[in-house]
């Protein structure tokens, strides 16, 4: 952990809170919903495919986020 000696320019002080909260599951679920819409319509996928990311890899990443969201739901 570190402490900054000076506040950001224009501010008297600053703060940062890092928390682990199950509410993030809703954010992940919204991300999956938006991903599904774009993925089903092939939106932007060519940019990834041109750089070596296959549709299978994209689907695997989606499933990872689904599992993560479910883990947070199970914990709440």
PDB file of N, CA and C in Angstrom:
ATOM      1  N   UNK A   1       0.848  -1.159   0.000  1.00  0.00           N
ATOM      2  CA  UNK A   1       0.000   0.000   0.000  1.00  0.00           C
ATOM      3  C   UNK A   1       0.896   1.225   0.000  1.00  0.00           C
ATOM      4  N   UNK A   2       0.493   2.240  -0.729  1.00  0.00           N
ATOM      5  CA  UNK A   2       1.275   3.462  -0.774  1.00  0.00           C
ATOM      6  C   UNK A   2       0.414   4.673  -0.489  1.00  0.00           C
ATOM      7  N   UNK A   3       1.064   5.731  -0.117  1.00  0.00           N
ATOM      8  CA  UNK A   3       0.382   6.991   0.154  1.00  0.00           C
ATOM      9  C   UNK A   3       1.057   8.068  -0.672  1.00  0.00           C
ATOM     10  N   UNK A   4       0.256   8.828  -1.411  1.00  0.00           N
ATOM     11  CA  UNK A   4       0.810   9.929  -2.197  1.00  0.00           C
ATOM     12  C   UNK A   4       1.044  11.120  -1.275  1.00  0.00           C
ATOM     13  N   UNK A   5       2.161  11.752  -1.445  1.00  0.00           N
ATOM     14  CA  UNK A   5       2.505  12.897  -0.607  1.00  0.00           C
ATOM     15  C   UNK A   5       1.738  14.155  -0.989  1.00  0.00           C
ATOM     16  N   UNK A   6       1.330  14.255  -2.239  1.00  0.00           N
ATOM     17  CA  UNK A   6       0.608  15.449  -2.691  1.00  0.00           C
ATOM     18  C   UNK A   6      -0.703  15.041  -3.358  1.00  0.00           C
ATOM     19  N   UNK A   7      -1.705  15.896  -3.197  1.00  0.00           N
ATOM     20  CA  UNK A   7      -3.007  15.660  -3.822  1.00  0.00           C
ATOM     21  C   UNK A   7      -2.925  16.000  -5.305  1.00  0.00           C
ATOM     22  N   UNK A   8      -3.841  15.468  -6.115  1.00  0.00           N
ATOM     23  CA  UNK A   8      -3.868  15.827  -7.531  1.00  0.00           C
ATOM     24  C   UNK A   8      -4.050  17.332  -7.703  1.00  0.00           C
ATOM     25  N   UNK A   9      -3.492  17.859  -8.766  1.00  0.00           N
ATOM     26  CA  UNK A   9      -3.565  19.297  -9.023  1.00  0.00           C
ATOM     27  C   UNK A   9      -5.018  19.761  -9.051  1.00  0.00           C
ATOM     28  N   UNK A  10      -5.310  20.812  -8.309  1.00  0.00           N
ATOM     29  CA  UNK A  10      -6.651  21.371  -8.265  1.00  0.00           C
ATOM     30  C   UNK A  10      -7.525  20.798  -7.162  1.00  0.00           C
ATOM     31  N   UNK A  11      -6.988  19.866  -6.374  1.00  0.00           N
ATOM     32  CA  UNK A  11      -7.763  19.245  -5.307  1.00  0.00           C
ATOM     33  C   UNK A  11      -6.995  19.338  -3.994  1.00  0.00           C
ATOM     34  N   UNK A  12      -7.742  19.497  -2.900  1.00  0.00           N
ATOM     35  CA  UNK A  12      -7.108  19.558  -1.586  1.00  0.00           C
ATOM     36  C   UNK A  12      -6.691  18.169  -1.108  1.00  0.00           C
ATOM     37  N   UNK A  13      -7.435  17.170  -1.515  1.00  0.00           N
ATOM     38  CA  UNK A  13      -7.109  15.800  -1.120  1.00  0.00           C
ATOM     39  C   UNK A  13      -7.732  14.836  -2.125  1.00  0.00           C
ATOM     40  N   UNK A  14      -7.428  13.582  -1.976  1.00  0.00           N
ATOM     41  CA  UNK A  14      -8.022  12.566  -2.839  1.00  0.00           C
ATOM     42  C   UNK A  14      -8.191  11.284  -2.036  1.00  0.00           C
ATOM     43  N   UNK A  15      -8.998  10.388  -2.567  1.00  0.00           N
ATOM     44  CA  UNK A  15      -9.212   9.118  -1.880  1.00  0.00           C
ATOM     45  C   UNK A  15      -9.494   8.015  -2.871  1.00  0.00           C
ATOM     46  N   UNK A  16      -9.308   6.799  -2.433  1.00  0.00           N
ATOM     47  CA  UNK A  16      -9.554   5.634  -3.265  1.00  0.00           C
ATOM     48  C   UNK A  16     -10.105   4.530  -2.375  1.00  0.00           C
ATOM     49  N   UNK A  17     -11.182   3.922  -2.820  1.00  0.00           N
ATOM     50  CA  UNK A  17     -11.747   2.789  -2.091  1.00  0.00           C
ATOM     51  C   UNK A  17     -11.758   1.580  -3.016  1.00  0.00           C
ATOM     52  N   UNK A  18     -11.199   0.498  -2.560  1.00  0.00           N
ATOM     53  CA  UNK A  18     -11.233  -0.765  -3.291  1.00  0.00           C
ATOM     54  C   UNK A  18     -12.102  -1.724  -2.491  1.00  0.00           C
ATOM     55  N   UNK A  19     -13.191  -2.187  -3.112  1.00  0.00           N
ATOM     56  CA  UNK A  19     -14.106  -3.062  -2.399  1.00  0.00           C
ATOM     57  C   UNK A  19     -14.442  -4.281  -3.252  1.00  0.00           C
ATOM     58  N   UNK A  20     -14.802  -5.337  -2.605  1.00  0.00           N
ATOM     59  CA  UNK A  20     -15.280  -6.539  -3.275  1.00  0.00           C
ATOM     60  C   UNK A  20     -16.774  -6.600  -3.000  1.00  0.00           C
ATOM     61  N   UNK A  21     -17.589  -6.445  -4.038  1.00  0.00           N
ATOM     62  CA  UNK A  21     -19.029  -6.343  -3.862  1.00  0.00           C
ATOM     63  C   UNK A  21     -19.738  -7.231  -4.872  1.00  0.00           C
ATOM     64  N   UNK A  22     -20.723  -7.960  -4.422  1.00  0.00           N
ATOM     65  CA  UNK A  22     -21.441  -8.869  -5.310  1.00  0.00           C
ATOM     66  C   UNK A  22     -22.282  -8.130  -6.341  1.00  0.00           C
ATOM     67  N   UNK A  23     -22.472  -6.824  -6.191  1.00  0.00           N
ATOM     68  CA  UNK A  23     -23.222  -6.040  -7.164  1.00  0.00           C
ATOM     69  C   UNK A  23     -22.572  -6.013  -8.538  1.00  0.00           C
ATOM     70  N   UNK A  24     -21.316  -6.381  -8.615  1.00  0.00           N
ATOM     71  CA  UNK A  24     -20.613  -6.400  -9.900  1.00  0.00           C
ATOM     72  C   UNK A  24     -21.208  -7.453 -10.826  1.00  0.00           C
ATOM     73  N   UNK A  25     -21.921  -8.424 -10.283  1.00  0.00           N
ATOM     74  CA  UNK A  25     -22.540  -9.466 -11.116  1.00  0.00           C
ATOM     75  C   UNK A  25     -23.473  -8.851 -12.147  1.00  0.00           C
ATOM     76  N   UNK A  26     -24.223  -7.827 -11.763  1.00  0.00           N
ATOM     77  CA  UNK A  26     -25.141  -7.163 -12.703  1.00  0.00           C
ATOM     78  C   UNK A  26     -24.376  -6.504 -13.842  1.00  0.00           C
ATOM     79  N   UNK A  27     -23.214  -5.966 -13.547  1.00  0.00           N
ATOM     80  CA  UNK A  27     -22.381  -5.350 -14.584  1.00  0.00           C
ATOM     81  C   UNK A  27     -21.907  -6.418 -15.563  1.00  0.00           C
ATOM     82  N   UNK A  28     -21.453  -7.542 -15.041  1.00  0.00           N
ATOM     83  CA  UNK A  28     -21.014  -8.638 -15.907  1.00  0.00           C
ATOM     84  C   UNK A  28     -22.164  -9.161 -16.762  1.00  0.00           C
ATOM     85  N   UNK A  29     -23.348  -9.271 -16.177  1.00  0.00           N
ATOM     86  CA  UNK A  29     -24.506  -9.767 -16.924  1.00  0.00           C
ATOM     87  C   UNK A  29     -24.904  -8.806 -18.041  1.00  0.00           C
ATOM     88  N   UNK A  30     -24.827  -7.509 -17.770  1.00  0.00           N
ATOM     89  CA  UNK A  30     -25.110  -6.507 -18.808  1.00  0.00           C
ATOM     90  C   UNK A  30     -24.064  -6.594 -19.917  1.00  0.00           C
ATOM     91  N   UNK A  31     -22.820  -6.811 -19.544  1.00  0.00           N
ATOM     92  CA  UNK A  31     -21.746  -6.973 -20.516  1.00  0.00           C
ATOM     93  C   UNK A  31     -22.017  -8.172 -21.422  1.00  0.00           C
ATOM     94  N   UNK A  32     -22.446  -9.276 -20.840  1.00  0.00           N
ATOM     95  CA  UNK A  32     -22.759 -10.478 -21.619  1.00  0.00           C
ATOM     96  C   UNK A  32     -23.926 -10.224 -22.565  1.00  0.00           C
ATOM     97  N   UNK A  33     -24.957  -9.536 -22.091  1.00  0.00           N
ATOM     98  CA  UNK A  33     -26.106  -9.216 -22.949  1.00  0.00           C
ATOM     99  C   UNK A  33     -25.662  -8.405 -24.155  1.00  0.00           C
ATOM    100  N   UNK A  34     -24.859  -7.380 -23.911  1.00  0.00           N
ATOM    101  CA  UNK A  34     -24.366  -6.544 -25.013  1.00  0.00           C
ATOM    102  C   UNK A  34     -23.432  -7.327 -25.933  1.00  0.00           C
ATOM    103  N   UNK A  35     -22.593  -8.168 -25.351  1.00  0.00           N
ATOM    104  CA  UNK A  35     -21.703  -9.003 -26.154  1.00  0.00           C
ATOM    105  C   UNK A  35     -22.513  -9.900 -27.079  1.00  0.00           C
ATOM    106  N   UNK A  36     -23.539 -10.550 -26.526  1.00  0.00           N
ATOM    107  CA  UNK A  36     -24.354 -11.476 -27.321  1.00  0.00           C
ATOM    108  C   UNK A  36     -24.993 -10.776 -28.515  1.00  0.00           C
ATOM    109  N   UNK A  37     -25.505  -9.584 -28.303  1.00  0.00           N
ATOM    110  CA  UNK A  37     -26.130  -8.829 -29.396  1.00  0.00           C
ATOM    111  C   UNK A  37     -25.112  -8.543 -30.491  1.00  0.00           C
ATOM    112  N   UNK A  38     -23.958  -8.032 -30.102  1.00  0.00           N
ATOM    113  CA  UNK A  38     -22.946  -7.675 -31.100  1.00  0.00           C
ATOM    114  C   UNK A  38     -22.331  -8.916 -31.748  1.00  0.00           C
ATOM    115  N   UNK A  39     -22.066  -9.936 -30.963  1.00  0.00           N
ATOM    116  CA  UNK A  39     -21.453 -11.162 -31.488  1.00  0.00           C
ATOM    117  C   UNK A  39     -22.378 -11.841 -32.495  1.00  0.00           C
ATOM    118  N   UNK A  40     -23.666 -11.912 -32.167  1.00  0.00           N
ATOM    119  CA  UNK A  40     -24.636 -12.537 -33.078  1.00  0.00           C
ATOM    120  C   UNK A  40     -24.758 -11.780 -34.394  1.00  0.00           C
ATOM    121  N   UNK A  41     -24.485 -10.480 -34.357  1.00  0.00           N
ATOM    122  CA  UNK A  41     -24.545  -9.652 -35.565  1.00  0.00           C
ATOM    123  C   UNK A  41     -23.175  -9.453 -36.204  1.00  0.00           C
ATOM    124  N   UNK A  42     -22.183 -10.173 -35.707  1.00  0.00           N
ATOM    125  CA  UNK A  42     -20.806 -10.097 -36.224  1.00  0.00           C
ATOM    126  C   UNK A  42     -20.241  -8.676 -36.158  1.00  0.00           C
ATOM    127  N   UNK A  43     -20.714  -7.892 -35.209  1.00  0.00           N
ATOM    128  CA  UNK A  43     -20.241  -6.516 -35.061  1.00  0.00           C
ATOM    129  C   UNK A  43     -18.826  -6.511 -34.484  1.00  0.00           C
ATOM    130  N   UNK A  44     -17.918  -5.902 -35.192  1.00  0.00           N
ATOM    131  CA  UNK A  44     -16.525  -5.697 -34.779  1.00  0.00           C
ATOM    132  C   UNK A  44     -15.696  -6.979 -34.700  1.00  0.00           C
ATOM    133  N   UNK A  45     -16.293  -8.137 -34.929  1.00  0.00           N
ATOM    134  CA  UNK A  45     -15.518  -9.373 -34.769  1.00  0.00           C
ATOM    135  C   UNK A  45     -14.374  -9.466 -35.766  1.00  0.00           C
ATOM    136  N   UNK A  46     -14.541  -8.858 -36.933  1.00  0.00           N
ATOM    137  CA  UNK A  46     -13.465  -8.926 -37.936  1.00  0.00           C
ATOM    138  C   UNK A  46     -12.184  -8.265 -37.440  1.00  0.00           C
ATOM    139  N   UNK A  47     -12.315  -7.234 -36.604  1.00  0.00           N
ATOM    140  CA  UNK A  47     -11.124  -6.581 -36.057  1.00  0.00           C
ATOM    141  C   UNK A  47     -10.326  -7.567 -35.209  1.00  0.00           C
ATOM    142  N   UNK A  48     -11.019  -8.352 -34.429  1.00  0.00           N
ATOM    143  CA  UNK A  48     -10.354  -9.337 -33.579  1.00  0.00           C
ATOM    144  C   UNK A  48      -9.818 -10.502 -34.399  1.00  0.00           C
ATOM    145  N   UNK A  49     -10.636 -10.979 -35.346  1.00  0.00           N
ATOM    146  CA  UNK A  49     -10.204 -12.104 -36.179  1.00  0.00           C
ATOM    147  C   UNK A  49      -8.974 -11.742 -37.008  1.00  0.00           C
ATOM    148  N   UNK A  50      -8.895 -10.508 -37.471  1.00  0.00           N
ATOM    149  CA  UNK A  50      -7.720 -10.055 -38.225  1.00  0.00           C
ATOM    150  C   UNK A  50      -6.464 -10.007 -37.364  1.00  0.00           C
ATOM    151  N   UNK A  51      -6.649 -10.003 -36.047  1.00  0.00           N
ATOM    152  CA  UNK A  51      -5.513  -9.969 -35.131  1.00  0.00           C
ATOM    153  C   UNK A  51      -5.324 -11.291 -34.392  1.00  0.00           C
ATOM    154  N   UNK A  52      -5.894 -12.367 -34.954  1.00  0.00           N
ATOM    155  CA  UNK A  52      -5.621 -13.695 -34.429  1.00  0.00           C
ATOM    156  C   UNK A  52      -6.556 -14.212 -33.355  1.00  0.00           C
ATOM    157  N   UNK A  53      -7.643 -13.501 -33.073  1.00  0.00           N
ATOM    158  CA  UNK A  53      -8.599 -13.965 -32.064  1.00  0.00           C
ATOM    159  C   UNK A  53      -9.766 -14.632 -32.791  1.00  0.00           C
ATOM    160  N   UNK A  54      -9.918 -15.927 -32.595  1.00  0.00           N
ATOM    161  CA  UNK A  54     -10.983 -16.664 -33.285  1.00  0.00           C
ATOM    162  C   UNK A  54     -12.324 -16.456 -32.577  1.00  0.00           C
ATOM    163  N   UNK A  55     -13.393 -16.771 -33.292  1.00  0.00           N
ATOM    164  CA  UNK A  55     -14.728 -16.686 -32.694  1.00  0.00           C
ATOM    165  C   UNK A  55     -14.852 -17.670 -31.527  1.00  0.00           C
ATOM    166  N   UNK A  56     -14.161 -18.808 -31.618  1.00  0.00           N
ATOM    167  CA  UNK A  56     -14.164 -19.763 -30.505  1.00  0.00           C
ATOM    168  C   UNK A  56     -13.517 -19.157 -29.261  1.00  0.00           C
ATOM    169  N   UNK A  57     -12.446 -18.415 -29.457  1.00  0.00           N
ATOM    170  CA  UNK A  57     -11.784 -17.755 -28.330  1.00  0.00           C
ATOM    171  C   UNK A  57     -12.702 -16.704 -27.718  1.00  0.00           C
ATOM    172  N   UNK A  58     -13.433 -15.971 -28.567  1.00  0.00           N
ATOM    173  CA  UNK A  58     -14.378 -14.967 -28.074  1.00  0.00           C
ATOM    174  C   UNK A  58     -15.489 -15.636 -27.271  1.00  0.00           C
ATOM    175  N   UNK A  59     -15.995 -16.759 -27.759  1.00  0.00           N
ATOM    176  CA  UNK A  59     -17.046 -17.494 -27.056  1.00  0.00           C
ATOM    177  C   UNK A  59     -16.528 -18.029 -25.718  1.00  0.00           C
ATOM    178  N   UNK A  60     -15.289 -18.484 -25.705  1.00  0.00           N
ATOM    179  CA  UNK A  60     -14.687 -18.967 -24.457  1.00  0.00           C
ATOM    180  C   UNK A  60     -14.574 -17.822 -23.444  1.00  0.00           C
ATOM    181  N   UNK A  61     -14.156 -16.652 -23.899  1.00  0.00           N
ATOM    182  CA  UNK A  61     -14.054 -15.488 -23.011  1.00  0.00           C
ATOM    183  C   UNK A  61     -15.430 -15.123 -22.457  1.00  0.00           C
ATOM    184  N   UNK A  62     -16.459 -15.193 -23.321  1.00  0.00           N
ATOM    185  CA  UNK A  62     -17.827 -14.915 -22.879  1.00  0.00           C
ATOM    186  C   UNK A  62     -18.220 -15.875 -21.760  1.00  0.00           C
ATOM    187  N   UNK A  63     -17.948 -17.156 -21.954  1.00  0.00           N
ATOM    188  CA  UNK A  63     -18.313 -18.154 -20.949  1.00  0.00           C
ATOM    189  C   UNK A  63     -17.561 -17.947 -19.638  1.00  0.00           C
ATOM    190  N   UNK A  64     -16.349 -17.466 -19.718  1.00  0.00           N
ATOM    191  CA  UNK A  64     -15.585 -17.151 -18.510  1.00  0.00           C
ATOM    192  C   UNK A  64     -16.285 -16.058 -17.711  1.00  0.00           C
ATOM    193  N   UNK A  65     -16.777 -15.031 -18.397  1.00  0.00           N
ATOM    194  CA  UNK A  65     -17.487 -13.939 -17.720  1.00  0.00           C
ATOM    195  C   UNK A  65     -18.826 -14.427 -17.166  1.00  0.00           C
ATOM    196  N   UNK A  66     -19.515 -15.306 -17.903  1.00  0.00           N
ATOM    197  CA  UNK A  66     -20.766 -15.888 -17.396  1.00  0.00           C
ATOM    198  C   UNK A  66     -20.497 -16.629 -16.087  1.00  0.00           C
ATOM    199  N   UNK A  67     -19.445 -17.432 -16.057  1.00  0.00           N
ATOM    200  CA  UNK A  67     -19.094 -18.177 -14.843  1.00  0.00           C
ATOM    201  C   UNK A  67     -18.713 -17.245 -13.703  1.00  0.00           C
ATOM    202  N   UNK A  68     -18.012 -16.174 -14.020  1.00  0.00           N
ATOM    203  CA  UNK A  68     -17.631 -15.196 -13.004  1.00  0.00           C
ATOM    204  C   UNK A  68     -18.867 -14.528 -12.412  1.00  0.00           C
ATOM    205  N   UNK A  69     -19.796 -14.112 -13.269  1.00  0.00           N
ATOM    206  CA  UNK A  69     -21.035 -13.491 -12.792  1.00  0.00           C
ATOM    207  C   UNK A  69     -21.804 -14.462 -11.901  1.00  0.00           C
ATOM    208  N   UNK A  70     -21.862 -15.723 -12.301  1.00  0.00           N
ATOM    209  CA  UNK A  70     -22.577 -16.720 -11.501  1.00  0.00           C
ATOM    210  C   UNK A  70     -21.902 -16.934 -10.151  1.00  0.00           C
ATOM    211  N   UNK A  71     -20.590 -16.888 -10.123  1.00  0.00           N
ATOM    212  CA  UNK A  71     -19.865 -17.025  -8.855  1.00  0.00           C
ATOM    213  C   UNK A  71     -20.224 -15.899  -7.898  1.00  0.00           C
ATOM    214  N   UNK A  72     -20.319 -14.681  -8.422  1.00  0.00           N
ATOM    215  CA  UNK A  72     -20.721 -13.555  -7.579  1.00  0.00           C
ATOM    216  C   UNK A  72     -22.167 -13.703  -7.126  1.00  0.00           C
ATOM    217  N   UNK A  73     -23.055 -14.162  -8.024  1.00  0.00           N
ATOM    218  CA  UNK A  73     -24.463 -14.380  -7.647  1.00  0.00           C
ATOM    219  C   UNK A  73     -24.553 -15.439  -6.542  1.00  0.00           C
ATOM    220  N   UNK A  74     -23.786 -16.499  -6.676  1.00  0.00           N
ATOM    221  CA  UNK A  74     -23.804 -17.569  -5.676  1.00  0.00           C
ATOM    222  C   UNK A  74     -23.297 -17.083  -4.320  1.00  0.00           C
ATOM    223  N   UNK A  75     -22.392 -16.125  -4.326  1.00  0.00           N
ATOM    224  CA  UNK A  75     -21.807 -15.613  -3.088  1.00  0.00           C
ATOM    225  C   UNK A  75     -22.731 -14.638  -2.362  1.00  0.00           C
ATOM    226  N   UNK A  76     -23.725 -14.117  -3.075  1.00  0.00           N
ATOM    227  CA  UNK A  76     -24.600 -13.119  -2.428  1.00  0.00           C
ATOM    228  C   UNK A  76     -25.753 -13.758  -1.702  1.00  0.00           C
TER     229      UNK A  76
END
